Amino acid sequence: MRSNSVPIYAIVELLIRLEEYNPKIGNYKDHAITEKNVRVTTSTGHILFPLSLVMNQFHSPEAIDETTLKLMAVSYTPV
């Protein structure tokens, strides 16, 4: 994996996990990577994930606790 890329399926898995807390998040459409974040565009809006969270989902998804998922779900911005 290149240093400026992230596994898309880890992003999709995070979106699926967040749907439990916010069913309006929508489906993955695209993403853009900055130094510390991944801005994800969905079919209904966008959400900003810390790059570290996406990498945790890739390497150790069980380490992401429910509180973190809930906080991410409320940070979703609809279009």
C-alpha atoms as a PDB file:
ATOM      1  CA  MET A   1       0.000   0.000   0.000  1.00  0.00           C
ATOM      2  CA  ARG A   2       1.366   3.411  -0.926  1.00  0.00           C
ATOM      3  CA  SER A   3       1.820   5.919   1.881  1.00  0.00           C
ATOM      4  CA  ASN A   4      -0.774   8.265   0.331  1.00  0.00           C
ATOM      5  CA  SER A   5      -3.462   5.622   0.006  1.00  0.00           C
ATOM      6  CA  VAL A   6      -5.813   3.812   2.325  1.00  0.00           C
ATOM      7  CA  PRO A   7      -7.695   0.558   1.808  1.00  0.00           C
ATOM      8  CA  ILE A   8     -11.114   1.567   0.491  1.00  0.00           C
ATOM      9  CA  TYR A   9     -12.778  -1.446   2.055  1.00  0.00           C
ATOM     10  CA  ALA A  10     -11.705  -0.207   5.521  1.00  0.00           C
ATOM     11  CA  ILE A  11     -13.581   3.034   4.809  1.00  0.00           C
ATOM     12  CA  VAL A  12     -16.624   1.093   3.595  1.00  0.00           C
ATOM     13  CA  GLU A  13     -16.510  -1.105   6.697  1.00  0.00           C
ATOM     14  CA  LEU A  14     -16.446   1.978   8.916  1.00  0.00           C
ATOM     15  CA  LEU A  15     -19.462   3.404   7.110  1.00  0.00           C
ATOM     16  CA  ILE A  16     -21.314   0.127   7.612  1.00  0.00           C
ATOM     17  CA  ARG A  17     -20.465   0.137  11.306  1.00  0.00           C
ATOM     18  CA  LEU A  18     -21.609   3.759  11.656  1.00  0.00           C
ATOM     19  CA  GLU A  19     -24.982   3.034  10.059  1.00  0.00           C
ATOM     20  CA  GLU A  20     -25.997   1.381  13.334  1.00  0.00           C
ATOM     21  CA  TYR A  21     -25.774   4.813  14.996  1.00  0.00           C
ATOM     22  CA  ASN A  22     -26.803   6.970  12.045  1.00  0.00           C
ATOM     23  CA  PRO A  23     -28.741   5.190   9.268  1.00  0.00           C
ATOM     24  CA  LYS A  24     -28.668   8.325   7.065  1.00  0.00           C
ATOM     25  CA  ILE A  25     -24.906   8.129   6.373  1.00  0.00           C
ATOM     26  CA  GLY A  26     -25.357   6.546   2.947  1.00  0.00           C
ATOM     27  CA  ASN A  27     -23.035   4.551   0.716  1.00  0.00           C
ATOM     28  CA  TYR A  28     -19.384   5.190  -0.116  1.00  0.00           C
ATOM     29  CA  LYS A  29     -18.829   7.353  -3.212  1.00  0.00           C
ATOM     30  CA  ASP A  30     -15.294   8.764  -2.960  1.00  0.00           C
ATOM     31  CA  HIS A  31     -12.602   9.913  -0.566  1.00  0.00           C
ATOM     32  CA  ALA A  32      -9.730  12.388  -0.329  1.00  0.00           C
ATOM     33  CA  ILE A  33      -6.724  12.015   1.939  1.00  0.00           C
ATOM     34  CA  THR A  34      -5.034  14.862   3.789  1.00  0.00           C
ATOM     35  CA  GLU A  35      -2.080  14.610   6.126  1.00  0.00           C
ATOM     36  CA  LYS A  36      -4.160  13.414   9.096  1.00  0.00           C
ATOM     37  CA  ASN A  37      -7.695  12.855   7.800  1.00  0.00           C
ATOM     38  CA  VAL A  38      -9.766  11.086   5.196  1.00  0.00           C
ATOM     39  CA  ARG A  39     -12.742  13.058   3.882  1.00  0.00           C
ATOM     40  CA  VAL A  40     -15.317  10.556   2.706  1.00  0.00           C
ATOM     41  CA  THR A  41     -18.138  11.476   0.361  1.00  0.00           C
ATOM     42  CA  THR A  42     -21.214   9.289   0.607  1.00  0.00           C
ATOM     43  CA  SER A  43     -24.412   9.109  -1.394  1.00  0.00           C
ATOM     44  CA  THR A  44     -26.048  11.472   1.119  1.00  0.00           C
ATOM     45  CA  GLY A  45     -23.273  13.683   2.503  1.00  0.00           C
ATOM     46  CA  HIS A  46     -19.747  13.525   3.869  1.00  0.00           C
ATOM     47  CA  ILE A  47     -17.774  12.582   6.962  1.00  0.00           C
ATOM     48  CA  LEU A  48     -14.220  13.255   8.093  1.00  0.00           C
ATOM     49  CA  PHE A  49     -12.346  10.299   9.548  1.00  0.00           C
ATOM     50  CA  PRO A  50      -8.989  10.587  11.260  1.00  0.00           C
ATOM     51  CA  LEU A  51      -6.516   8.647   9.139  1.00  0.00           C
ATOM     52  CA  SER A  52      -5.563   6.703  12.269  1.00  0.00           C
ATOM     53  CA  LEU A  53      -9.158   5.472  12.634  1.00  0.00           C
ATOM     54  CA  VAL A  54      -9.240   4.137   9.073  1.00  0.00           C
ATOM     55  CA  MET A  55      -5.934   2.370   9.655  1.00  0.00           C
ATOM     56  CA  ASN A  56      -7.258   0.922  12.944  1.00  0.00           C
ATOM     57  CA  GLN A  57     -10.254  -0.420  11.041  1.00  0.00           C
ATOM     58  CA  PHE A  58      -7.831  -2.026   8.581  1.00  0.00           C
ATOM     59  CA  HIS A  59      -5.447  -3.530  11.129  1.00  0.00           C
ATOM     60  CA  SER A  60      -7.473  -4.028  14.294  1.00  0.00           C
ATOM     61  CA  PRO A  61     -11.197  -3.242  13.950  1.00  0.00           C
ATOM     62  CA  GLU A  62     -12.022  -4.825  17.305  1.00  0.00           C
ATOM     63  CA  ALA A  63      -9.966  -2.085  18.992  1.00  0.00           C
ATOM     64  CA  ILE A  64     -12.443   0.614  17.901  1.00  0.00           C
ATOM     65  CA  ASP A  65     -14.869   1.115  20.755  1.00  0.00           C
ATOM     66  CA  GLU A  66     -18.546   1.998  20.631  1.00  0.00           C
ATOM     67  CA  THR A  67     -17.948   5.514  21.971  1.00  0.00           C
ATOM     68  CA  THR A  68     -15.638   6.312  19.055  1.00  0.00           C
ATOM     69  CA  LEU A  69     -18.164   4.971  16.564  1.00  0.00           C
ATOM     70  CA  LYS A  70     -20.964   7.045  18.098  1.00  0.00           C
ATOM     71  CA  LEU A  71     -18.838  10.201  17.981  1.00  0.00           C
ATOM     72  CA  MET A  72     -17.974   9.601  14.348  1.00  0.00           C
ATOM     73  CA  ALA A  73     -21.624   8.936  13.466  1.00  0.00           C
ATOM     74  CA  VAL A  74     -22.737  12.315  14.835  1.00  0.00           C
ATOM     75  CA  SER A  75     -19.977  14.088  12.895  1.00  0.00           C
ATOM     76  CA  TYR A  76     -21.610  13.116   9.587  1.00  0.00           C
ATOM     77  CA  THR A  77     -22.776  16.101   7.524  1.00  0.00           C
ATOM     78  CA  PRO A  78     -25.707  15.568   5.107  1.00  0.00           C
ATOM     79  CA  VAL A  79     -25.843  17.395   1.797  1.00  0.00           C
END
